[in-house]
C-alpha atoms as a PDB file:
ATOM      1  CA  MET A   1     -24.106  -5.769  -0.983  1.00  0.00           C
ATOM      2  CA  GLY A   2     -24.226  -9.403  -0.021  1.00  0.00           C
ATOM      3  CA  TYR A   3     -20.593  -9.898  -1.229  1.00  0.00           C
ATOM      4  CA  ILE A   4     -19.401  -6.930   0.803  1.00  0.00           C
ATOM      5  CA  LYS A   5     -21.254  -8.145   3.848  1.00  0.00           C
ATOM      6  CA  ASN A   6     -19.684 -11.526   3.593  1.00  0.00           C
ATOM      7  CA  LEU A   7     -16.249  -9.981   3.264  1.00  0.00           C
ATOM      8  CA  PHE A   8     -16.561  -8.137   6.560  1.00  0.00           C
ATOM      9  CA  LYS A   9     -18.114 -11.222   8.213  1.00  0.00           C
ATOM     10  CA  SER A  10     -14.927 -13.143   7.323  1.00  0.00           C
ATOM     11  CA  LEU A  11     -12.822 -10.724   9.411  1.00  0.00           C
ATOM     12  CA  SER A  12     -11.820 -11.902  12.887  1.00  0.00           C
ATOM     13  CA  LYS A  13     -12.742  -9.720  15.871  1.00  0.00           C
ATOM     14  CA  PHE A  14      -9.213  -8.351  15.962  1.00  0.00           C
ATOM     15  CA  GLU A  15      -9.259  -7.547  12.267  1.00  0.00           C
ATOM     16  CA  LEU A  16     -12.653  -5.874  12.489  1.00  0.00           C
ATOM     17  CA  CYS A  17     -11.428  -3.809  15.439  1.00  0.00           C
ATOM     18  CA  LEU A  18      -8.200  -2.918  13.608  1.00  0.00           C
ATOM     19  CA  TRP A  19     -10.237  -1.799  10.578  1.00  0.00           C
ATOM     20  CA  LEU A  20     -12.676   0.268  12.672  1.00  0.00           C
ATOM     21  CA  PHE A  21      -9.817   1.874  14.597  1.00  0.00           C
ATOM     22  CA  SER A  22      -8.026   2.722  11.326  1.00  0.00           C
ATOM     23  CA  VAL A  23     -11.158   4.258   9.750  1.00  0.00           C
ATOM     24  CA  VAL A  24     -11.945   6.288  12.843  1.00  0.00           C
ATOM     25  CA  ALA A  25      -8.343   7.504  13.229  1.00  0.00           C
ATOM     26  CA  VAL A  26      -7.976   8.747   9.590  1.00  0.00           C
ATOM     27  CA  THR A  27     -11.524  10.213   9.608  1.00  0.00           C
ATOM     28  CA  VAL A  28     -11.050  12.170  12.913  1.00  0.00           C
ATOM     29  CA  SER A  29      -7.625  13.465  11.813  1.00  0.00           C
ATOM     30  CA  SER A  30      -9.126  14.713   8.547  1.00  0.00           C
ATOM     31  CA  LEU A  31     -12.130  16.338  10.251  1.00  0.00           C
ATOM     32  CA  LEU A  32      -9.900  18.093  12.790  1.00  0.00           C
ATOM     33  CA  SER A  33      -7.593  19.439  10.089  1.00  0.00           C
ATOM     34  CA  GLU A  34      -7.704  23.226   9.573  1.00  0.00           C
ATOM     35  CA  ASN A  35      -8.291  22.764   5.855  1.00  0.00           C
ATOM     36  CA  LEU A  36     -10.300  19.642   5.194  1.00  0.00           C
ATOM     37  CA  ASN A  37      -9.248  17.937   2.018  1.00  0.00           C
ATOM     38  CA  PRO A  38     -12.064  15.490   1.009  1.00  0.00           C
ATOM     39  CA  LEU A  39      -9.634  13.585  -1.269  1.00  0.00           C
ATOM     40  CA  THR A  40      -7.317  12.867   1.663  1.00  0.00           C
ATOM     41  CA  LEU A  41     -10.216  11.442   3.681  1.00  0.00           C
ATOM     42  CA  ILE A  42     -11.504   9.376   0.790  1.00  0.00           C
ATOM     43  CA  ALA A  43      -8.010   8.035  -0.018  1.00  0.00           C
ATOM     44  CA  SER A  44      -7.325   7.194   3.624  1.00  0.00           C
ATOM     45  CA  VAL A  45     -10.560   5.208   4.094  1.00  0.00           C
ATOM     46  CA  ILE A  46     -10.021   3.281   0.841  1.00  0.00           C
ATOM     47  CA  GLY A  47      -6.418   2.667   1.760  1.00  0.00           C
ATOM     48  CA  VAL A  48      -7.023   1.215   5.233  1.00  0.00           C
ATOM     49  CA  THR A  49      -9.851  -0.904   3.884  1.00  0.00           C
ATOM     50  CA  SER A  50      -7.665  -2.302   1.097  1.00  0.00           C
ATOM     51  CA  LEU A  51      -4.907  -3.207   3.566  1.00  0.00           C
ATOM     52  CA  ILE A  52      -7.126  -5.220   5.861  1.00  0.00           C
ATOM     53  CA  PHE A  53      -8.313  -7.316   2.923  1.00  0.00           C
ATOM     54  CA  ILE A  54      -4.826  -7.604   1.506  1.00  0.00           C
ATOM     55  CA  ALA A  55      -3.745  -8.871   4.924  1.00  0.00           C
ATOM     56  CA  LYS A  56      -6.422 -11.567   4.507  1.00  0.00           C
ATOM     57  CA  GLY A  57      -5.114 -12.399   1.046  1.00  0.00           C
ATOM     58  CA  TYR A  58      -8.287 -11.311  -0.755  1.00  0.00           C
ATOM     59  CA  VAL A  59      -8.296 -10.048  -4.386  1.00  0.00           C
ATOM     60  CA  ILE A  60     -10.633  -7.152  -3.444  1.00  0.00           C
ATOM     61  CA  GLY A  61      -7.788  -5.663  -1.453  1.00  0.00           C
ATOM     62  CA  GLN A  62      -5.622  -5.243  -4.554  1.00  0.00           C
ATOM     63  CA  ALA A  63      -8.567  -3.850  -6.488  1.00  0.00           C
ATOM     64  CA  LEU A  64      -9.081  -1.212  -3.791  1.00  0.00           C
ATOM     65  CA  MET A  65      -5.325  -0.430  -3.864  1.00  0.00           C
ATOM     66  CA  VAL A  66      -5.738   0.465  -7.549  1.00  0.00           C
ATOM     67  CA  VAL A  67      -8.425   3.025  -6.569  1.00  0.00           C
ATOM     68  CA  PHE A  68      -6.281   4.296  -3.715  1.00  0.00           C
ATOM     69  CA  GLY A  69      -3.351   4.764  -6.064  1.00  0.00           C
ATOM     70  CA  LEU A  70      -5.381   6.888  -8.430  1.00  0.00           C
ATOM     71  CA  VAL A  71      -6.810   9.143  -5.688  1.00  0.00           C
ATOM     72  CA  TYR A  72      -3.417   9.471  -3.926  1.00  0.00           C
ATOM     73  CA  SER A  73      -1.714  10.473  -7.126  1.00  0.00           C
ATOM     74  CA  ILE A  74      -4.048  13.446  -7.352  1.00  0.00           C
ATOM     75  CA  ILE A  75      -3.279  14.459  -3.722  1.00  0.00           C
ATOM     76  CA  SER A  76       0.474  14.239  -4.540  1.00  0.00           C
ATOM     77  CA  LEU A  77       0.007  16.377  -7.634  1.00  0.00           C
ATOM     78  CA  GLN A  78      -1.576  19.101  -5.516  1.00  0.00           C
ATOM     79  CA  TYR A  79       1.690  19.448  -3.539  1.00  0.00           C
ATOM     80  CA  CYS A  80       3.850  18.880  -6.579  1.00  0.00           C
ATOM     81  CA  TYR A  81       5.165  15.603  -5.171  1.00  0.00           C
ATOM     82  CA  TYR A  82       5.679  14.329  -8.676  1.00  0.00           C
ATOM     83  CA  GLY A  83       7.592  11.358  -7.377  1.00  0.00           C
ATOM     84  CA  GLU A  84       4.615  10.084  -5.447  1.00  0.00           C
ATOM     85  CA  MET A  85       2.236  10.887  -8.332  1.00  0.00           C
ATOM     86  CA  ILE A  86       4.380   9.056 -10.872  1.00  0.00           C
ATOM     87  CA  THR A  87       5.030   6.165  -8.501  1.00  0.00           C
ATOM     88  CA  TYR A  88       1.403   5.484  -7.705  1.00  0.00           C
ATOM     89  CA  LEU A  89      -0.093   6.367 -11.064  1.00  0.00           C
ATOM     90  CA  GLY A  90       2.545   4.810 -13.259  1.00  0.00           C
ATOM     91  CA  MET A  91       3.773   1.979 -11.062  1.00  0.00           C
ATOM     92  CA  THR A  92       1.908   1.124  -7.882  1.00  0.00           C
ATOM     93  CA  ALA A  93      -1.585   1.207  -9.311  1.00  0.00           C
ATOM     94  CA  PRO A  94      -0.744  -0.807 -12.524  1.00  0.00           C
ATOM     95  CA  ILE A  95       1.189  -3.423 -10.506  1.00  0.00           C
ATOM     96  CA  ALA A  96      -1.729  -3.693  -8.006  1.00  0.00           C
ATOM     97  CA  LEU A  97      -3.987  -4.349 -10.987  1.00  0.00           C
ATOM     98  CA  MET A  98      -1.636  -7.065 -12.172  1.00  0.00           C
ATOM     99  CA  SER A  99      -1.520  -8.446  -8.638  1.00  0.00           C
ATOM    100  CA  ALA A 100      -5.334  -8.604  -8.504  1.00  0.00           C
ATOM    101  CA  VAL A 101      -5.257 -10.650 -11.692  1.00  0.00           C
ATOM    102  CA  SER A 102      -2.472 -12.872 -10.341  1.00  0.00           C
ATOM    103  CA  TRP A 103      -4.208 -13.420  -7.030  1.00  0.00           C
ATOM    104  CA  TYR A 104      -7.481 -14.209  -8.786  1.00  0.00           C
ATOM    105  CA  LYS A 105      -5.797 -16.855 -10.880  1.00  0.00           C
ATOM    106  CA  ASN A 106      -3.988 -18.369  -7.900  1.00  0.00           C
ATOM    107  CA  PRO A 107      -6.498 -18.994  -5.113  1.00  0.00           C
ATOM    108  CA  TYR A 108      -5.766 -21.363  -2.263  1.00  0.00           C
ATOM    109  CA  LYS A 109      -7.825 -24.470  -2.817  1.00  0.00           C
ATOM    110  CA  GLU A 110     -10.563 -22.505  -4.655  1.00  0.00           C
ATOM    111  CA  SER A 111     -11.138 -20.267  -1.654  1.00  0.00           C
ATOM    112  CA  SER A 112     -11.179 -16.444  -1.441  1.00  0.00           C
ATOM    113  CA  GLU A 113      -7.647 -16.553  -0.023  1.00  0.00           C
ATOM    114  CA  VAL A 114      -4.629 -16.314  -2.287  1.00  0.00           C
ATOM    115  CA  SER A 115      -2.029 -19.052  -2.456  1.00  0.00           C
ATOM    116  CA  VAL A 116       1.132 -17.781  -0.636  1.00  0.00           C
ATOM    117  CA  ARG A 117       4.560 -18.496  -2.107  1.00  0.00           C
ATOM    118  CA  SER A 118       8.232 -17.759  -1.542  1.00  0.00           C
ATOM    119  CA  LEU A 119      10.514 -16.196  -4.047  1.00  0.00           C
ATOM    120  CA  ASN A 120      12.961 -18.447  -5.940  1.00  0.00           C
ATOM    121  CA  ALA A 121      16.480 -17.424  -6.771  1.00  0.00           C
ATOM    122  CA  ARG A 122      15.562 -16.034 -10.221  1.00  0.00           C
ATOM    123  CA  GLN A 123      12.777 -13.923  -8.786  1.00  0.00           C
ATOM    124  CA  ARG A 124      15.002 -12.572  -6.086  1.00  0.00           C
ATOM    125  CA  ILE A 125      17.574 -11.457  -8.663  1.00  0.00           C
ATOM    126  CA  MET A 126      14.801  -9.878 -10.784  1.00  0.00           C
ATOM    127  CA  LEU A 127      13.573  -8.027  -7.631  1.00  0.00           C
ATOM    128  CA  ILE A 128      17.077  -6.472  -7.152  1.00  0.00           C
ATOM    129  CA  VAL A 129      17.676  -5.617 -10.800  1.00  0.00           C
ATOM    130  CA  LEU A 130      14.173  -4.161 -11.495  1.00  0.00           C
ATOM    131  CA  THR A 131      14.163  -2.162  -8.261  1.00  0.00           C
ATOM    132  CA  ILE A 132      17.548  -0.637  -9.186  1.00  0.00           C
ATOM    133  CA  VAL A 133      16.360   0.132 -12.739  1.00  0.00           C
ATOM    134  CA  ALA A 134      13.116   1.703 -11.510  1.00  0.00           C
ATOM    135  CA  THR A 135      14.904   3.787  -8.882  1.00  0.00           C
ATOM    136  CA  VAL A 136      17.456   5.149 -11.439  1.00  0.00           C
ATOM    137  CA  VAL A 137      14.970   5.838 -14.183  1.00  0.00           C
ATOM    138  CA  PHE A 138      12.393   7.508 -11.956  1.00  0.00           C
ATOM    139  CA  GLY A 139      15.122   9.271 -10.012  1.00  0.00           C
ATOM    140  CA  PHE A 140      16.213  11.173 -13.159  1.00  0.00           C
ATOM    141  CA  ILE A 141      12.582  11.921 -13.973  1.00  0.00           C
ATOM    142  CA  LEU A 142      11.975  13.396 -10.506  1.00  0.00           C
ATOM    143  CA  LYS A 143      15.136  15.497 -10.751  1.00  0.00           C
ATOM    144  CA  ALA A 144      13.944  16.811 -14.113  1.00  0.00           C
ATOM    145  CA  PHE A 145      10.662  17.863 -12.530  1.00  0.00           C
ATOM    146  CA  ASP A 146      12.544  19.598  -9.661  1.00  0.00           C
ATOM    147  CA  THR A 147      10.638  17.424  -7.189  1.00  0.00           C
ATOM    148  CA  PRO A 148      10.687  18.593  -3.491  1.00  0.00           C
ATOM    149  CA  ASN A 149      12.670  16.443  -1.074  1.00  0.00           C
ATOM    150  CA  LEU A 150      14.239  14.543  -3.902  1.00  0.00           C
ATOM    151  CA  PHE A 151      16.157  12.014  -1.823  1.00  0.00           C
ATOM    152  CA  PHE A 152      13.114  10.778   0.118  1.00  0.00           C
ATOM    153  CA  SER A 153      10.916  10.868  -3.036  1.00  0.00           C
ATOM    154  CA  THR A 154      13.479   8.702  -4.876  1.00  0.00           C
ATOM    155  CA  PHE A 155      13.816   6.300  -1.934  1.00  0.00           C
ATOM    156  CA  SER A 156      10.038   6.022  -1.911  1.00  0.00           C
ATOM    157  CA  ILE A 157      10.197   4.661  -5.410  1.00  0.00           C
ATOM    158  CA  THR A 158      12.732   2.023  -4.287  1.00  0.00           C
ATOM    159  CA  THR A 159      10.513   0.805  -1.386  1.00  0.00           C
ATOM    160  CA  SER A 160       7.237   1.106  -3.266  1.00  0.00           C
ATOM    161  CA  PHE A 161       8.397  -0.831  -6.341  1.00  0.00           C
ATOM    162  CA  SER A 162       9.946  -3.586  -4.252  1.00  0.00           C
ATOM    163  CA  ALA A 163       6.725  -3.856  -2.191  1.00  0.00           C
ATOM    164  CA  SER A 164       4.563  -3.961  -5.264  1.00  0.00           C
ATOM    165  CA  TYR A 165       6.784  -6.637  -6.880  1.00  0.00           C
ATOM    166  CA  LEU A 166       6.651  -8.825  -3.771  1.00  0.00           C
ATOM    167  CA  ALA A 167       2.857  -8.466  -3.590  1.00  0.00           C
ATOM    168  CA  LEU A 168       2.634  -9.492  -7.231  1.00  0.00           C
ATOM    169  CA  MET A 169       4.754 -12.531  -6.463  1.00  0.00           C
ATOM    170  CA  ARG A 170       2.466 -13.373  -3.541  1.00  0.00           C
ATOM    171  CA  SER A 171       5.323 -13.169  -0.950  1.00  0.00           C
ATOM    172  CA  PRO A 172       4.617 -12.366   2.719  1.00  0.00           C
ATOM    173  CA  VAL A 173       7.634 -10.070   2.708  1.00  0.00           C
ATOM    174  CA  TYR A 174       5.580  -7.556   0.673  1.00  0.00           C
ATOM    175  CA  ALA A 175       4.260  -6.215   3.954  1.00  0.00           C
ATOM    176  CA  VAL A 176       7.699  -5.501   5.362  1.00  0.00           C
ATOM    177  CA  ALA A 177       8.597  -3.484   2.199  1.00  0.00           C
ATOM    178  CA  TYR A 178       5.366  -1.582   2.463  1.00  0.00           C
ATOM    179  CA  ALA A 179       6.011  -0.860   6.138  1.00  0.00           C
ATOM    180  CA  VAL A 180       9.393   0.666   5.259  1.00  0.00           C
ATOM    181  CA  ASN A 181       7.686   2.665   2.494  1.00  0.00           C
ATOM    182  CA  ASP A 182       5.113   3.904   5.017  1.00  0.00           C
ATOM    183  CA  LEU A 183       7.985   5.317   7.148  1.00  0.00           C
ATOM    184  CA  VAL A 184       9.484   7.062   4.121  1.00  0.00           C
ATOM    185  CA  LEU A 185       6.153   8.553   3.272  1.00  0.00           C
ATOM    186  CA  ILE A 186       5.607   9.724   6.823  1.00  0.00           C
ATOM    187  CA  VAL A 187       8.868  11.695   6.577  1.00  0.00           C
ATOM    188  CA  LEU A 188       7.895  13.108   3.190  1.00  0.00           C
ATOM    189  CA  TRP A 189       4.513  14.350   4.408  1.00  0.00           C
ATOM    190  CA  ILE A 190       5.986  15.719   7.616  1.00  0.00           C
ATOM    191  CA  LEU A 191       8.164  17.925   5.460  1.00  0.00           C
ATOM    192  CA  ALA A 192       5.113  18.906   3.387  1.00  0.00           C
ATOM    193  CA  SER A 193       3.086  19.683   6.498  1.00  0.00           C
ATOM    194  CA  MET A 194       5.779  22.162   7.633  1.00  0.00           C
ATOM    195  CA  GLU A 195       4.560  24.346   4.749  1.00  0.00           C
ATOM    196  CA  ASN A 196       0.864  23.344   4.735  1.00  0.00           C
ATOM    197  CA  THR A 197      -0.732  21.881   7.835  1.00  0.00           C
ATOM    198  CA  SER A 198      -3.640  20.508   5.770  1.00  0.00           C
ATOM    199  CA  TYR A 199      -1.384  17.564   4.940  1.00  0.00           C
ATOM    200  CA  ILE A 200      -1.132  16.417   8.582  1.00  0.00           C
ATOM    201  CA  PRO A 201      -3.967  13.837   8.001  1.00  0.00           C
ATOM    202  CA  VAL A 202      -1.821  12.227   5.337  1.00  0.00           C
ATOM    203  CA  ILE A 203       0.854  11.672   7.985  1.00  0.00           C
ATOM    204  CA  ILE A 204      -1.776  10.009  10.217  1.00  0.00           C
ATOM    205  CA  CYS A 205      -2.965   7.976   7.248  1.00  0.00           C
ATOM    206  CA  PHE A 206       0.469   6.415   6.655  1.00  0.00           C
ATOM    207  CA  ALA A 207       1.087   5.875  10.370  1.00  0.00           C
ATOM    208  CA  ILE A 208      -2.104   3.791  10.338  1.00  0.00           C
ATOM    209  CA  PHE A 209      -0.919   2.075   7.120  1.00  0.00           C
ATOM    210  CA  PHE A 210       2.271   1.128   8.937  1.00  0.00           C
ATOM    211  CA  ILE A 211       0.332  -0.596  11.719  1.00  0.00           C
ATOM    212  CA  ASN A 212      -1.800  -2.448   9.168  1.00  0.00           C
ATOM    213  CA  ASP A 213       1.196  -3.522   7.138  1.00  0.00           C
ATOM    214  CA  ILE A 214       2.863  -4.926  10.280  1.00  0.00           C
ATOM    215  CA  TYR A 215      -0.288  -6.920  10.896  1.00  0.00           C
ATOM    216  CA  GLY A 216      -0.317  -7.959   7.205  1.00  0.00           C
ATOM    217  CA  PHE A 217       3.097  -9.524   7.575  1.00  0.00           C
ATOM    218  CA  VAL A 218       2.036 -11.435  10.657  1.00  0.00           C
ATOM    219  CA  SER A 219      -1.173 -12.589   8.975  1.00  0.00           C
ATOM    220  CA  TRP A 220       0.637 -13.761   5.791  1.00  0.00           C
ATOM    221  CA  GLN A 221       3.229 -15.632   7.859  1.00  0.00           C
ATOM    222  CA  LYS A 222       0.364 -17.558   9.544  1.00  0.00           C
ATOM    223  CA  MET A 223      -1.256 -18.188   6.139  1.00  0.00           C
ATOM    224  CA  LYS A 224       2.026 -19.473   4.753  1.00  0.00           C
ATOM    225  CA  ILE A 225       2.581 -21.839   7.646  1.00  0.00           C
ATOM    226  CA  ARG A 226      -1.035 -23.100   7.596  1.00  0.00           C
ATOM    227  CA  GLN A 227      -1.095 -23.596   3.824  1.00  0.00           C
ATOM    228  CA  SER A 228       2.278 -25.466   4.007  1.00  0.00           C
ATOM    229  CA  ASN A 229       1.071 -27.741   6.753  1.00  0.00           C
ATOM    230  CA  GLU A 230      -2.233 -28.522   4.974  1.00  0.00           C
ATOM    231  CA  ASN A 231      -0.305 -29.362   1.790  1.00  0.00           C
END
């Protein structure tokens, strides 16, 4: 409990307000839903909590993202969004786990904050190549499963993989990729909500994620500048 208490104490007033706003928003949207899905509420709270700590560059944020990926994959399975299930269960969650290990091994001056870096030429090429490969491979898999809204589901894989890769590489641009992914997911779940209004809270969840990811980019840019100046 002491560790968790210290984590929240490290948040600035703005970050604490952002976290509280995010938790309240996703909770209220879930409670007001015609058909309350407990998993949606649980995933949403875990997700917004992970994002505020990822924005701080804390390893615990990636650990929580692994849990979010597992719960979210179950929600996706319920609607037969196999693309989302496969993406988070087979890609996002495992890469988040690898990111947690990478961040743990690369702290900034032995602090709780991760050491920020920029991609070199080889890593940029790898990002492009691996993203294309992941998109093509998973695209065929999704088509085989007759996944609803195939185009957006496939594009979600593109944005999600690139975001996960950038987070693994400890690049501030990860947040931009995740923000784009949030927009894709908002479209996906709007389409789902047209058939089942119980998924409206998921739309709210990713709208809140979008706000948090925008802040994450701003926070990491400040971290990058500060760490560069101190070094």
